[in-house]
Amino acid sequence: MQRTHQGGHRNGPQLGRHQMTNTTMHVATVRMQLFLVFLLFLGLKLRGDIDWSWWLVTLPLWGDIALALSVLMVAGLAAATFAWIKGRRR
């Protein structure tokens, strides 16, 4: 998206420096919800109410890492495929 010199979006509402877009607010809300789920699981684990593995207790914290690794894997696969195709044409 192109920005104008006033900081607003071309053809869209101008946002102040500290205002969040809907997408940014949604991501922040999802992250907060996952963190709260982690805190719930942690409390239940420490009280002995659940007998889960620590991997399952910390699973809500792994979302960002899993997404980043997925993006890197897809990018690496695409780069390898393009290199392979380029090598076959020679």
C-alpha atoms as a PDB file:
ATOM      1  CA  MET A   1       0.000   0.000   0.000  1.00  0.00           C
ATOM      2  CA  GLN A   2       1.353   3.409  -0.862  1.00  0.00           C
ATOM      3  CA  ARG A   3       1.540   6.077   1.793  1.00  0.00           C
ATOM      4  CA  THR A   4       1.138   9.780   1.302  1.00  0.00           C
ATOM      5  CA  HIS A   5       3.411  12.349   2.874  1.00  0.00           C
ATOM      6  CA  GLN A   6       0.818  12.960   5.622  1.00  0.00           C
ATOM      7  CA  GLY A   7       1.229   9.368   6.844  1.00  0.00           C
ATOM      8  CA  GLY A   8      -2.215   8.231   5.721  1.00  0.00           C
ATOM      9  CA  HIS A   9      -3.052   5.529   3.238  1.00  0.00           C
ATOM     10  CA  ARG A  10      -3.727   6.445  -0.330  1.00  0.00           C
ATOM     11  CA  ASN A  11      -7.521   6.164  -0.794  1.00  0.00           C
ATOM     12  CA  GLY A  12      -8.092   5.372   2.891  1.00  0.00           C
ATOM     13  CA  PRO A  13      -8.509   6.988   6.258  1.00  0.00           C
ATOM     14  CA  GLN A  14      -5.492   8.672   7.752  1.00  0.00           C
ATOM     15  CA  LEU A  15      -4.299   7.059  10.944  1.00  0.00           C
ATOM     16  CA  GLY A  16      -2.567   8.863  13.758  1.00  0.00           C
ATOM     17  CA  ARG A  17       0.875   7.750  14.821  1.00  0.00           C
ATOM     18  CA  HIS A  18      -0.390   5.757  17.812  1.00  0.00           C
ATOM     19  CA  GLN A  19      -3.598   4.343  16.367  1.00  0.00           C
ATOM     20  CA  MET A  20      -3.757   0.675  15.471  1.00  0.00           C
ATOM     21  CA  THR A  21      -5.357  -0.792  12.383  1.00  0.00           C
ATOM     22  CA  ASN A  22      -7.999  -3.496  12.689  1.00  0.00           C
ATOM     23  CA  THR A  23      -5.502  -6.186  11.663  1.00  0.00           C
ATOM     24  CA  THR A  24      -2.962  -5.072  14.243  1.00  0.00           C
ATOM     25  CA  MET A  25      -5.640  -5.002  16.937  1.00  0.00           C
ATOM     26  CA  HIS A  26      -6.800  -8.490  15.930  1.00  0.00           C
ATOM     27  CA  VAL A  27      -3.257  -9.895  16.118  1.00  0.00           C
ATOM     28  CA  ALA A  28      -2.706  -8.269  19.508  1.00  0.00           C
ATOM     29  CA  THR A  29      -6.011  -9.670  20.778  1.00  0.00           C
ATOM     30  CA  VAL A  30      -5.207 -13.192  19.602  1.00  0.00           C
ATOM     31  CA  ARG A  31      -1.750 -13.029  21.198  1.00  0.00           C
ATOM     32  CA  MET A  32      -3.245 -11.849  24.482  1.00  0.00           C
ATOM     33  CA  GLN A  33      -5.840 -14.635  24.418  1.00  0.00           C
ATOM     34  CA  LEU A  34      -3.159 -17.253  23.791  1.00  0.00           C
ATOM     35  CA  PHE A  35      -1.077 -15.857  26.640  1.00  0.00           C
ATOM     36  CA  LEU A  36      -4.092 -16.013  28.956  1.00  0.00           C
ATOM     37  CA  VAL A  37      -4.689 -19.640  27.935  1.00  0.00           C
ATOM     38  CA  PHE A  38      -1.039 -20.349  28.750  1.00  0.00           C
ATOM     39  CA  LEU A  39      -1.440 -18.743  32.180  1.00  0.00           C
ATOM     40  CA  LEU A  40      -4.549 -20.852  32.793  1.00  0.00           C
ATOM     41  CA  PHE A  41      -2.724 -24.051  31.787  1.00  0.00           C
ATOM     42  CA  LEU A  42       0.266 -23.051  33.917  1.00  0.00           C
ATOM     43  CA  GLY A  43      -1.892 -22.477  36.968  1.00  0.00           C
ATOM     44  CA  LEU A  44      -3.701 -25.782  36.508  1.00  0.00           C
ATOM     45  CA  LYS A  45      -0.391 -27.611  36.043  1.00  0.00           C
ATOM     46  CA  LEU A  46       1.200 -26.051  39.119  1.00  0.00           C
ATOM     47  CA  ARG A  47      -1.851 -26.828  41.249  1.00  0.00           C
ATOM     48  CA  GLY A  48      -1.786 -30.422  40.054  1.00  0.00           C
ATOM     49  CA  ASP A  49      -5.242 -30.278  38.459  1.00  0.00           C
ATOM     50  CA  ILE A  50      -3.883 -31.480  35.108  1.00  0.00           C
ATOM     51  CA  ASP A  51      -1.161 -34.022  34.449  1.00  0.00           C
ATOM     52  CA  TRP A  52      -0.120 -32.761  31.045  1.00  0.00           C
ATOM     53  CA  SER A  53       3.345 -32.601  29.564  1.00  0.00           C
ATOM     54  CA  TRP A  54       5.054 -29.222  29.831  1.00  0.00           C
ATOM     55  CA  TRP A  55       5.046 -29.145  26.016  1.00  0.00           C
ATOM     56  CA  LEU A  56       1.255 -29.062  26.061  1.00  0.00           C
ATOM     57  CA  VAL A  57       1.170 -26.453  28.819  1.00  0.00           C
ATOM     58  CA  THR A  58       3.454 -24.110  26.851  1.00  0.00           C
ATOM     59  CA  LEU A  59       1.840 -24.865  23.468  1.00  0.00           C
ATOM     60  CA  PRO A  60      -0.074 -21.540  23.299  1.00  0.00           C
ATOM     61  CA  LEU A  61       3.276 -19.708  23.383  1.00  0.00           C
ATOM     62  CA  TRP A  62       4.586 -21.502  20.297  1.00  0.00           C
ATOM     63  CA  GLY A  63       2.174 -19.950  17.774  1.00  0.00           C
ATOM     64  CA  ASP A  64       4.455 -17.122  16.608  1.00  0.00           C
ATOM     65  CA  ILE A  65       7.458 -19.425  16.339  1.00  0.00           C
ATOM     66  CA  ALA A  66       5.478 -22.011  14.366  1.00  0.00           C
ATOM     67  CA  LEU A  67       4.222 -19.344  11.967  1.00  0.00           C
ATOM     68  CA  ALA A  68       7.719 -17.945  11.411  1.00  0.00           C
ATOM     69  CA  LEU A  69       9.161 -21.417  10.794  1.00  0.00           C
ATOM     70  CA  SER A  70       6.360 -22.220   8.360  1.00  0.00           C
ATOM     71  CA  VAL A  71       7.013 -19.051   6.370  1.00  0.00           C
ATOM     72  CA  LEU A  72      10.756 -19.797   6.273  1.00  0.00           C
ATOM     73  CA  MET A  73      10.131 -23.375   5.136  1.00  0.00           C
ATOM     74  CA  VAL A  74       7.821 -22.266   2.321  1.00  0.00           C
ATOM     75  CA  ALA A  75      10.292 -19.567   1.223  1.00  0.00           C
ATOM     76  CA  GLY A  76      13.166 -22.082   1.273  1.00  0.00           C
ATOM     77  CA  LEU A  77      11.146 -24.606  -0.709  1.00  0.00           C
ATOM     78  CA  ALA A  78      10.212 -21.953  -3.269  1.00  0.00           C
ATOM     79  CA  ALA A  79      13.852 -20.835  -3.605  1.00  0.00           C
ATOM     80  CA  ALA A  80      15.038 -24.430  -4.014  1.00  0.00           C
ATOM     81  CA  THR A  81      12.348 -25.102  -6.626  1.00  0.00           C
ATOM     82  CA  PHE A  82      13.251 -22.001  -8.624  1.00  0.00           C
ATOM     83  CA  ALA A  83      16.951 -22.889  -8.470  1.00  0.00           C
ATOM     84  CA  TRP A  84      16.178 -26.433  -9.637  1.00  0.00           C
ATOM     85  CA  ILE A  85      14.043 -25.162 -12.531  1.00  0.00           C
ATOM     86  CA  LYS A  86      16.737 -22.658 -13.512  1.00  0.00           C
ATOM     87  CA  GLY A  87      19.372 -25.420 -13.434  1.00  0.00           C
ATOM     88  CA  ARG A  88      17.289 -27.690 -15.701  1.00  0.00           C
ATOM     89  CA  ARG A  89      16.964 -24.999 -18.384  1.00  0.00           C
ATOM     90  CA  ARG A  90      20.727 -24.844 -18.936  1.00  0.00           C
END
